[in-house]
């Protein structure tokens, strides 16, 4: 069975600059893959290469087994794309724009389109030139979901949306997955990726540095531990793997990499009143790789 997306040594160079190192990745049918990386990491270059919008320097990309350079039309018939930035016809209404985009795609679920317009609180009677950034983005989202396409490729889809509309997007994405659709989601909203994605790929300087489920990636960052005592907390800074130890009054906080048993033994010997441990969030995992680099939308490369 063909993967929804498969790349084999996909590479893009501009002169001596490597925008995308040889990329080998598979996105399975019916999964949501989160594609992360800071500004300039190569996310948009990846998407444009997968779509066949730019010609790779080496390697190839396939959508449902179709090479996107030699079978571009056939491949595009099975997908919908939300670009990071888009320009619409300013004198058309939102409804006319959706109609035109639907005609270009060739297949839409009209009943679902009506549901989406209501769900995203979108007024289709206004001219596009009068819309805010968020409302223009709603056109992209509605246009993509209303196709019921087998593959949805999305580059920063919730840019400009308020929290309520972000939640509406999440509901639509999960519904699409439940229907067997595949989503390739490039986003800088880590909470969104954490809530939606089955697997996460992290790109750095054009290279894929991590790929897996969130539990599989927990090794990238330390477990946080917090304990409160009746008296002075025990010393734990000598324990292997323990870092960032802070003692404020009777409260101890620290982080631990590796086996946690020696730390727990020291804490229990001190008779704690409370003990809390927490796995790292996706944001903490991301920052453990990037050390504070800005998490932002990729610029075209």
Protein backbone atom coordinates (compact mmCIF):
# COMPACT_ATOMS: atom_id res chain seq x y z
CA UNK A 1 0.00 0.00 0.00
CA UNK A 2 1.45 3.35 -1.07
CA UNK A 3 2.20 5.95 1.61
CA UNK A 4 0.35 9.25 1.40
CA UNK A 5 3.71 11.01 1.11
CA UNK A 6 7.10 9.44 0.50
CA UNK A 7 10.37 11.20 -0.19
CA UNK A 8 13.57 9.51 -1.31
CA UNK A 9 16.73 11.59 -0.94
CA UNK A 10 14.71 14.77 -1.61
CA UNK A 11 17.25 17.60 -1.83
CA UNK A 12 17.13 21.28 -2.73
CA UNK A 13 20.19 23.44 -3.25
CA UNK A 14 20.55 27.04 -4.31
CA UNK A 15 24.11 27.28 -5.49
CA UNK A 16 26.28 26.24 -2.56
CA UNK A 17 23.44 26.75 -0.07
CA UNK A 18 21.65 23.55 0.96
CA UNK A 19 18.04 24.48 1.72
CA UNK A 20 17.01 20.85 2.16
CA UNK A 21 19.42 18.01 2.81
CA UNK A 22 18.52 14.52 1.49
CA UNK A 23 15.13 13.91 3.10
CA UNK A 24 13.72 10.41 3.51
CA UNK A 25 10.33 10.39 5.14
CA UNK A 26 7.03 8.54 4.86
CA UNK A 27 3.63 9.84 5.96
CA UNK A 28 1.16 7.00 6.30
CA UNK A 29 -2.45 7.14 5.20
CA UNK A 30 -4.78 8.38 7.93
CA UNK A 31 -2.13 9.99 10.14
CA UNK A 32 -1.40 13.58 11.08
CA UNK A 33 2.29 14.40 10.86
CA UNK A 34 3.54 17.58 12.50
CA UNK A 35 6.47 19.21 10.69
CA UNK A 36 8.43 21.58 12.91
CA UNK A 37 11.44 23.82 12.66
CA UNK A 38 12.45 27.42 13.32
CA UNK A 39 12.49 30.20 10.78
CA UNK A 40 14.56 29.16 7.75
CA UNK A 41 14.79 25.48 8.66
CA UNK A 42 13.42 24.40 5.29
CA UNK A 43 9.78 23.55 6.05
CA UNK A 44 8.27 25.54 3.20
CA UNK A 45 10.99 24.30 0.85
CA UNK A 46 10.00 20.75 1.80
CA UNK A 47 6.33 21.41 1.10
CA UNK A 48 6.98 23.09 -2.25
CA UNK A 49 9.27 20.23 -3.27
CA UNK A 50 6.70 17.62 -2.26
CA UNK A 51 4.02 19.45 -4.24
CA UNK A 52 6.26 19.72 -7.28
CA UNK A 53 6.09 23.51 -7.19
CA UNK A 54 9.87 23.65 -7.25
CA UNK A 55 12.19 21.15 -8.86
CA UNK A 56 14.40 19.26 -6.42
CA UNK A 57 18.15 19.24 -6.96
CA UNK A 58 18.14 15.51 -6.29
CA UNK A 59 15.81 12.78 -5.13
CA UNK A 60 12.06 12.64 -5.54
CA UNK A 61 8.73 12.99 -3.77
CA UNK A 62 5.68 10.79 -4.25
CA UNK A 63 2.04 11.27 -3.29
CA UNK A 64 0.14 7.99 -3.13
CA UNK A 65 2.86 6.46 -5.27
CA UNK A 66 2.74 9.20 -7.90
CA UNK A 67 5.95 11.11 -8.63
CA UNK A 68 5.08 14.77 -8.14
CA UNK A 69 7.35 15.93 -10.96
CA UNK A 70 6.27 13.50 -13.68
CA UNK A 71 2.67 12.97 -12.48
CA UNK A 72 1.92 16.35 -10.96
CA UNK A 73 -1.68 16.68 -12.20
CA UNK A 74 -2.70 13.20 -11.05
CA UNK A 75 -1.03 13.72 -7.66
CA UNK A 76 -2.70 17.09 -7.12
CA UNK A 77 -6.13 15.59 -7.79
CA UNK A 78 -5.82 13.75 -4.48
CA UNK A 79 -4.76 16.65 -2.26
CA UNK A 80 -5.69 20.09 -0.96
CA UNK A 81 -3.08 22.67 0.03
CA UNK A 82 -3.12 25.57 2.47
CA UNK A 83 -0.14 27.84 1.67
CA UNK A 84 1.66 29.87 4.28
CA UNK A 85 0.70 33.03 2.44
CA UNK A 86 -1.97 33.49 -0.21
CA UNK A 87 -3.48 36.25 -2.31
CA UNK A 88 -7.12 36.17 -3.36
CA UNK A 89 -9.15 38.17 -5.86
CA UNK A 90 -9.97 41.39 -3.95
CA UNK A 91 -13.21 42.21 -5.78
CA UNK A 92 -14.80 38.78 -5.32
CA UNK A 93 -16.84 37.94 -2.26
CA UNK A 94 -15.75 35.18 0.10
CA UNK A 95 -18.50 32.95 -1.27
CA UNK A 96 -17.47 33.57 -4.87
CA UNK A 97 -13.87 32.81 -3.95
CA UNK A 98 -14.84 29.51 -2.36
CA UNK A 99 -16.93 28.65 -5.43
CA UNK A 100 -14.02 29.40 -7.76
CA UNK A 101 -11.55 27.43 -5.66
CA UNK A 102 -14.01 24.55 -5.62
CA UNK A 103 -14.28 24.63 -9.41
CA UNK A 104 -10.50 24.59 -9.70
CA UNK A 105 -10.29 21.56 -7.43
CA UNK A 106 -13.16 19.87 -9.26
CA UNK A 107 -14.79 18.17 -6.31
CA UNK A 108 -16.30 19.60 -3.15
CA UNK A 109 -18.78 18.52 -0.50
CA UNK A 110 -21.28 21.38 -0.70
CA UNK A 111 -23.15 20.35 2.45
CA UNK A 112 -19.89 20.21 4.38
CA UNK A 113 -18.85 23.58 2.95
CA UNK A 114 -22.02 25.09 4.44
CA UNK A 115 -21.22 23.47 7.78
CA UNK A 116 -17.67 24.83 7.67
CA UNK A 117 -18.84 28.36 6.90
CA UNK A 118 -21.05 28.21 9.98
CA UNK A 119 -18.40 26.55 12.14
CA UNK A 120 -15.80 29.19 11.34
CA UNK A 121 -18.31 32.05 11.68
CA UNK A 122 -17.41 33.20 8.19
CA UNK A 123 -19.46 35.80 6.32
CA UNK A 124 -19.25 34.81 2.62
CA UNK A 125 -21.10 37.92 1.39
CA UNK A 126 -18.29 40.41 1.99
CA UNK A 127 -15.62 41.38 -0.53
CA UNK A 128 -12.27 39.71 0.01
CA UNK A 129 -10.53 43.08 0.22
CA UNK A 130 -12.52 43.89 3.38
CA UNK A 131 -11.48 40.74 5.27
CA UNK A 132 -9.01 40.66 8.11
CA UNK A 133 -6.05 38.29 7.92
CA UNK A 134 -7.95 35.79 10.04
CA UNK A 135 -10.97 35.82 7.73
CA UNK A 136 -8.78 35.40 4.66
CA UNK A 137 -7.22 32.42 6.36
CA UNK A 138 -10.68 30.98 6.92
CA UNK A 139 -11.11 30.91 3.13
CA UNK A 140 -8.00 28.72 2.88
CA UNK A 141 -9.17 26.38 5.63
CA UNK A 142 -12.74 26.02 4.37
CA UNK A 143 -11.54 25.56 0.79
CA UNK A 144 -9.19 22.76 1.86
CA UNK A 145 -11.53 20.83 4.14
CA UNK A 146 -14.56 21.09 1.83
CA UNK A 147 -12.73 19.00 -0.80
CA UNK A 148 -12.57 15.99 1.53
CA UNK A 149 -9.20 15.38 -0.17
CA UNK A 150 -7.24 12.23 0.67
CA UNK A 151 -4.24 14.38 1.62
CA UNK A 152 -4.24 17.82 3.23
CA UNK A 153 -0.93 19.69 3.16
CA UNK A 154 -1.04 22.69 5.47
CA UNK A 155 1.58 25.40 5.96
CA UNK A 156 0.80 27.43 9.10
CA UNK A 157 -2.97 26.92 8.70
CA UNK A 158 -4.07 28.75 11.87
CA UNK A 159 -2.01 31.90 11.30
CA UNK A 160 -4.21 34.88 12.14
CA UNK A 161 -6.96 32.87 13.83
CA UNK A 162 -8.22 33.60 17.33
CA UNK A 163 -8.29 30.79 19.95
CA UNK A 164 -11.94 29.89 19.24
CA UNK A 165 -11.24 29.44 15.54
CA UNK A 166 -8.06 27.51 16.34
CA UNK A 167 -10.24 25.08 18.28
CA UNK A 168 -12.61 24.81 15.33
CA UNK A 169 -9.64 23.96 13.12
CA UNK A 170 -8.50 21.23 15.52
CA UNK A 171 -11.97 19.68 15.47
CA UNK A 172 -11.98 19.64 11.67
CA UNK A 173 -8.49 18.13 11.54
CA UNK A 174 -9.44 15.32 13.93
CA UNK A 175 -12.62 14.69 11.96
CA UNK A 176 -10.58 14.45 8.76
CA UNK A 177 -8.26 11.90 10.36
CA UNK A 178 -11.25 9.91 11.58
CA UNK A 179 -12.45 9.84 7.96
CA UNK A 180 -9.14 8.33 6.88
CA UNK A 181 -7.63 11.51 5.46
CA UNK A 182 -3.94 12.30 5.90
CA UNK A 183 -2.63 15.66 7.12
CA UNK A 184 0.88 17.03 6.71
CA UNK A 185 0.89 19.94 9.17
CA UNK A 186 3.66 22.52 9.27
CA UNK A 187 3.04 24.78 12.25
CA UNK A 188 4.81 26.97 14.79
CA UNK A 189 1.92 26.52 17.27
CA UNK A 190 3.42 23.75 19.37
CA UNK A 191 0.28 23.27 21.49
CA UNK A 192 -1.64 22.63 18.27
CA UNK A 193 0.90 20.08 17.05
CA UNK A 194 0.97 18.35 20.43
CA UNK A 195 -2.83 18.06 20.51
CA UNK A 196 -3.28 16.81 16.94
CA UNK A 197 -0.30 14.92 15.63
CA UNK A 198 0.36 11.19 15.64
CA UNK A 199 4.03 11.75 14.84
CA UNK A 200 6.33 14.75 14.79
CA UNK A 201 9.24 15.54 12.49
CA UNK A 202 11.73 18.24 13.46
CA UNK A 203 13.87 19.98 10.88
CA UNK A 204 17.01 21.97 11.56
CA UNK A 205 19.08 23.82 8.94
CA UNK A 206 17.49 21.75 6.20
CA UNK A 207 18.13 18.42 7.93
CA UNK A 208 15.65 16.08 9.57
CA UNK A 209 16.92 15.70 13.13
CA UNK A 210 14.05 13.91 14.87
CA UNK A 211 11.06 11.83 13.77
CA UNK A 212 8.68 9.88 15.97
CA UNK A 213 5.77 9.98 18.35
CA UNK A 214 5.83 12.40 21.26
CA UNK A 215 6.50 9.60 23.82
CA UNK A 216 9.40 8.38 21.66
CA UNK A 217 10.90 11.87 21.74
CA UNK A 218 10.79 12.37 25.50
CA UNK A 219 14.48 11.49 25.65
CA UNK A 220 15.27 14.92 24.23
CA UNK A 221 14.52 16.68 27.50
CA UNK A 222 14.64 16.05 31.22
CA UNK A 223 11.83 15.01 33.53
CA UNK A 224 10.83 17.80 35.93
CA UNK A 225 10.48 16.89 39.61
CA UNK A 226 9.07 19.00 42.44
CA UNK A 227 8.88 17.99 46.10
CA UNK A 228 7.86 19.73 49.34
CA UNK A 229 9.18 18.76 52.80
CA UNK A 230 8.47 19.52 56.45
CA UNK A 231 12.08 20.50 56.94
CA UNK A 232 15.06 21.33 54.74
CA UNK A 233 15.05 19.29 51.51
CA UNK A 234 17.73 16.63 51.05
CA UNK A 235 20.70 17.24 48.75
CA UNK A 236 20.25 15.79 45.28
CA UNK A 237 22.75 17.72 43.17
CA UNK A 238 25.31 14.90 43.48
CA UNK A 239 23.00 12.37 41.84
CA UNK A 240 23.88 11.42 38.28
CA UNK A 241 21.60 13.05 35.71
CA UNK A 242 20.17 15.66 38.07
CA UNK A 243 20.39 19.30 36.99
CA UNK A 244 18.80 22.71 37.56
CA UNK A 245 18.40 22.08 41.29
CA UNK A 246 16.54 24.86 43.14
CA UNK A 247 15.68 24.98 46.83
CA UNK A 248 13.29 27.65 48.07
CA UNK A 249 12.36 27.20 51.70
CA UNK A 250 11.12 23.65 52.04
CA UNK A 251 10.51 23.17 48.33
CA UNK A 252 12.87 21.35 45.96
CA UNK A 253 12.68 21.46 42.15
CA UNK A 254 15.07 19.80 39.73
CA UNK A 255 15.33 17.97 36.43
CA UNK A 256 16.53 14.45 35.81
CA UNK A 257 17.83 12.67 32.73
CA UNK A 258 18.23 8.92 32.79
CA UNK A 259 17.20 6.57 35.63
CA UNK A 260 14.99 8.29 38.19
CA UNK A 261 15.29 5.69 40.98
CA UNK A 262 18.34 7.26 42.76
CA UNK A 263 16.59 10.64 42.87
CA UNK A 264 13.37 9.11 44.18
CA UNK A 265 15.28 7.24 46.87
CA UNK A 266 16.89 10.48 48.09
CA UNK A 267 13.56 12.33 48.09
CA UNK A 268 11.70 9.54 49.90
CA UNK A 269 14.43 9.39 52.55
CA UNK A 270 13.61 13.03 53.29
CA UNK A 271 9.93 12.18 53.96
CA UNK A 272 8.28 14.51 51.43
CA UNK A 273 4.82 16.00 51.99
CA UNK A 274 4.18 16.11 48.27
CA UNK A 275 5.89 14.89 45.13
CA UNK A 276 5.14 15.83 41.55
CA UNK A 277 6.88 14.70 38.36
CA UNK A 278 6.07 15.91 34.87
CA UNK A 279 7.17 14.85 31.42
CA UNK A 280 8.45 17.59 29.12
CA UNK A 281 5.98 19.32 26.83
CA UNK A 282 6.55 19.53 23.11
CA UNK A 283 7.75 23.10 23.57
CA UNK A 284 10.37 21.94 26.07
CA UNK A 285 11.45 19.17 23.70
CA UNK A 286 11.72 21.67 20.87
CA UNK A 287 13.72 24.13 22.95
CA UNK A 288 16.05 21.36 24.11
CA UNK A 289 17.01 20.99 20.43
CA UNK A 290 17.07 24.66 19.53
CA UNK A 291 18.17 26.30 22.77
CA UNK A 292 15.97 29.38 22.46
CA UNK A 293 15.96 29.90 18.69
CA UNK A 294 12.78 31.63 17.58
CA UNK A 295 9.85 29.40 16.80
CA UNK A 296 8.32 31.13 13.82
CA UNK A 297 6.90 30.70 10.37
CA UNK A 298 9.33 29.53 7.72
CA UNK A 299 10.22 31.99 5.01
CA UNK A 300 10.33 30.82 1.39
CA UNK A 301 13.81 29.64 0.44
